[in-house]
C-alpha atoms as a PDB file:
ATOM      1  CA  MET A   1       1.847   4.831   0.776  1.00  0.00           C
ATOM      2  CA  ASP A   2       4.122   6.633   2.598  1.00  0.00           C
ATOM      3  CA  GLY A   3       5.459   4.554   5.096  1.00  0.00           C
ATOM      4  CA  ILE A   4       6.512   2.262   2.261  1.00  0.00           C
ATOM      5  CA  LYS A   5       8.490   5.073   0.843  1.00  0.00           C
ATOM      6  CA  TYR A   6       9.994   5.441   4.394  1.00  0.00           C
ATOM      7  CA  ALA A   7      10.600   1.799   5.077  1.00  0.00           C
ATOM      8  CA  ILE A   8      12.858   1.439   1.405  1.00  0.00           C
ATOM      9  CA  PHE A   9      14.653   4.670   2.429  1.00  0.00           C
ATOM     10  CA  THR A  10      15.749   3.057   5.910  1.00  0.00           C
ATOM     11  CA  TYR A  11      16.865   0.265   4.646  1.00  0.00           C
ATOM     12  CA  ALA A  12      18.730   1.775   1.929  1.00  0.00           C
ATOM     13  CA  ILE A  13      20.362   4.148   4.120  1.00  0.00           C
ATOM     14  CA  PHE A  14      21.782   1.548   6.345  1.00  0.00           C
ATOM     15  CA  THR A  15      24.142  -1.287   4.623  1.00  0.00           C
ATOM     16  CA  TYR A  16      24.078  -4.191   6.940  1.00  0.00           C
ATOM     17  CA  ALA A  17      24.932  -4.508  10.245  1.00  0.00           C
ATOM     18  CA  ILE A  18      28.203  -5.063  11.653  1.00  0.00           C
ATOM     19  CA  PHE A  19      29.176  -8.541  14.023  1.00  0.00           C
ATOM     20  CA  THR A  20      32.796  -8.154  15.029  1.00  0.00           C
ATOM     21  CA  GLU A  21      33.911  -9.053  18.544  1.00  0.00           C
ATOM     22  CA  LYS A  22      33.896  -5.715  19.301  1.00  0.00           C
ATOM     23  CA  SER A  23      29.885  -5.075  18.428  1.00  0.00           C
ATOM     24  CA  ILE A  24      29.089  -8.195  20.233  1.00  0.00           C
ATOM     25  CA  ARG A  25      30.908  -6.782  23.677  1.00  0.00           C
ATOM     26  CA  LEU A  26      28.650  -3.643  22.610  1.00  0.00           C
ATOM     27  CA  LEU A  27      25.430  -5.585  22.694  1.00  0.00           C
ATOM     28  CA  GLY A  28      25.878  -6.355  26.043  1.00  0.00           C
ATOM     29  CA  ASN A  29      25.844  -2.223  26.777  1.00  0.00           C
ATOM     30  CA  ASN A  30      22.835  -1.848  24.375  1.00  0.00           C
ATOM     31  CA  GLN A  31      24.677  -0.057  21.803  1.00  0.00           C
ATOM     32  CA  TYR A  32      24.899  -0.839  17.712  1.00  0.00           C
ATOM     33  CA  THR A  33      27.399  -1.184  15.069  1.00  0.00           C
ATOM     34  CA  SER A  34      26.110  -0.801  11.326  1.00  0.00           C
ATOM     35  CA  ASN A  35      27.670   0.559   7.932  1.00  0.00           C
ATOM     36  CA  VAL A  36      25.389   3.166   6.531  1.00  0.00           C
ATOM     37  CA  GLU A  37      26.003   4.822   3.568  1.00  0.00           C
ATOM     38  CA  SER A  38      28.629   7.010   3.670  1.00  0.00           C
ATOM     39  CA  GLY A  39      26.601  10.543   2.585  1.00  0.00           C
ATOM     40  CA  SER A  40      24.477  10.287   5.213  1.00  0.00           C
ATOM     41  CA  THR A  41      23.905  12.909   8.333  1.00  0.00           C
ATOM     42  CA  ARG A  42      24.015  11.835  11.935  1.00  0.00           C
ATOM     43  CA  THR A  43      20.587  13.796  12.458  1.00  0.00           C
ATOM     44  CA  GLU A  44      19.056  11.721   9.766  1.00  0.00           C
ATOM     45  CA  ILE A  45      20.168   8.348  10.735  1.00  0.00           C
ATOM     46  CA  LYS A  46      19.092   9.204  14.530  1.00  0.00           C
ATOM     47  CA  HIS A  47      15.804   9.936  12.872  1.00  0.00           C
ATOM     48  CA  TRP A  48      15.179   7.092  10.888  1.00  0.00           C
ATOM     49  CA  VAL A  49      16.283   4.865  13.868  1.00  0.00           C
ATOM     50  CA  GLU A  50      13.477   6.159  15.964  1.00  0.00           C
ATOM     51  CA  LEU A  51      10.908   6.075  13.470  1.00  0.00           C
ATOM     52  CA  PHE A  52      11.266   2.932  11.500  1.00  0.00           C
ATOM     53  CA  PHE A  53      12.335   0.537  14.985  1.00  0.00           C
ATOM     54  CA  GLY A  54      10.614   2.334  17.635  1.00  0.00           C
ATOM     55  CA  VAL A  55      13.006   3.121  19.494  1.00  0.00           C
ATOM     56  CA  LYS A  56      14.483   5.992  21.801  1.00  0.00           C
ATOM     57  CA  VAL A  57      18.237   6.522  20.602  1.00  0.00           C
ATOM     58  CA  ILE A  58      20.701   8.698  23.498  1.00  0.00           C
ATOM     59  CA  ALA A  59      23.360   8.712  21.721  1.00  0.00           C
ATOM     60  CA  MET A  60      25.388   8.256  18.309  1.00  0.00           C
ATOM     61  CA  ASN A  61      29.400   7.284  17.388  1.00  0.00           C
ATOM     62  CA  SER A  62      30.170   7.907  13.763  1.00  0.00           C
ATOM     63  CA  HIS A  63      33.551   7.529  12.097  1.00  0.00           C
ATOM     64  CA  ARG A  64      34.072   7.230   8.218  1.00  0.00           C
ATOM     65  CA  LEU A  65      36.622   3.944   7.088  1.00  0.00           C
ATOM     66  CA  PRO A  66      38.587   4.589   4.294  1.00  0.00           C
ATOM     67  CA  GLY A  67      38.209   2.553   1.080  1.00  0.00           C
ATOM     68  CA  LYS A  68      40.820  -0.209   0.502  1.00  0.00           C
ATOM     69  CA  GLY A  69      43.386   0.490  -2.285  1.00  0.00           C
ATOM     70  CA  ARG A  70      42.845  -1.981  -5.488  1.00  0.00           C
ATOM     71  CA  ARG A  71      45.433  -2.658  -8.475  1.00  0.00           C
ATOM     72  CA  MET A  72      44.788  -3.849 -11.602  1.00  0.00           C
ATOM     73  CA  GLY A  73      48.079  -3.846 -13.667  1.00  0.00           C
ATOM     74  CA  PRO A  74      49.339  -0.461 -14.168  1.00  0.00           C
ATOM     75  CA  ILE A  75      46.049   1.244 -12.567  1.00  0.00           C
ATOM     76  CA  MET A  76      45.699   1.644  -9.334  1.00  0.00           C
ATOM     77  CA  GLY A  77      41.975   2.728  -7.820  1.00  0.00           C
ATOM     78  CA  HIS A  78      39.834   2.438  -4.630  1.00  0.00           C
ATOM     79  CA  THR A  79      36.746   0.836  -3.137  1.00  0.00           C
ATOM     80  CA  MET A  80      34.547   2.921  -2.122  1.00  0.00           C
ATOM     81  CA  HIS A  81      34.723   4.649   2.043  1.00  0.00           C
ATOM     82  CA  TYR A  82      31.710   3.840   4.276  1.00  0.00           C
ATOM     83  CA  ARG A  83      30.740   4.881   6.942  1.00  0.00           C
ATOM     84  CA  ARG A  84      30.551   2.905  10.118  1.00  0.00           C
ATOM     85  CA  MET A  85      27.480   3.980  13.251  1.00  0.00           C
ATOM     86  CA  ILE A  86      27.461   2.507  17.343  1.00  0.00           C
ATOM     87  CA  ILE A  87      24.230   3.669  18.467  1.00  0.00           C
ATOM     88  CA  THR A  88      23.272   3.638  21.880  1.00  0.00           C
ATOM     89  CA  LEU A  89      19.830   3.248  23.127  1.00  0.00           C
ATOM     90  CA  GLN A  90      17.979   4.118  26.020  1.00  0.00           C
ATOM     91  CA  PRO A  91      17.569   1.033  28.689  1.00  0.00           C
ATOM     92  CA  GLY A  92      14.819  -1.312  27.493  1.00  0.00           C
ATOM     93  CA  TYR A  93      14.619  -0.476  23.909  1.00  0.00           C
ATOM     94  CA  SER A  94      16.454  -3.050  21.534  1.00  0.00           C
ATOM     95  CA  ILE A  95      16.587  -3.438  16.987  1.00  0.00           C
ATOM     96  CA  PRO A  96      16.253  -6.953  15.684  1.00  0.00           C
ATOM     97  CA  PRO A  97      18.982  -7.670  13.442  1.00  0.00           C
ATOM     98  CA  LEU A  98      18.976  -5.423  10.431  1.00  0.00           C
ATOM     99  CA  ILE A  99      19.529  -8.431   7.476  1.00  0.00           C
ATOM    100  CA  GLU A 100      20.082 -12.038   8.322  1.00  0.00           C
ATOM    101  CA  LYS A 101      22.312 -13.896   6.129  1.00  0.00           C
ATOM    102  CA  ARG A 102      21.512 -17.542   5.117  1.00  0.00           C
ATOM    103  CA  THR A 103      23.416 -20.009   4.166  1.00  0.00           C
END
């Protein structure tokens, strides 16, 4: 039963994988890019990636991207900010795509 709870929590941390030109280029260096919840810490993410996917993480880089401004009439608001992680794995390990969108 605990394994199910961990799996749900892991997918709640990772919102989705990023597939941009840079992230596709980084896949050749065994680096994976994904957006994560802004409240999660680096050690938390490293622990869950190693536990859930069964890989060894050697480095993690993160940066926080600000939300975009949105205006509705005279009221100015923002979208939510988020954190992007670049996870480097040891050679020989790989992560399957986190979420596949089908059209």
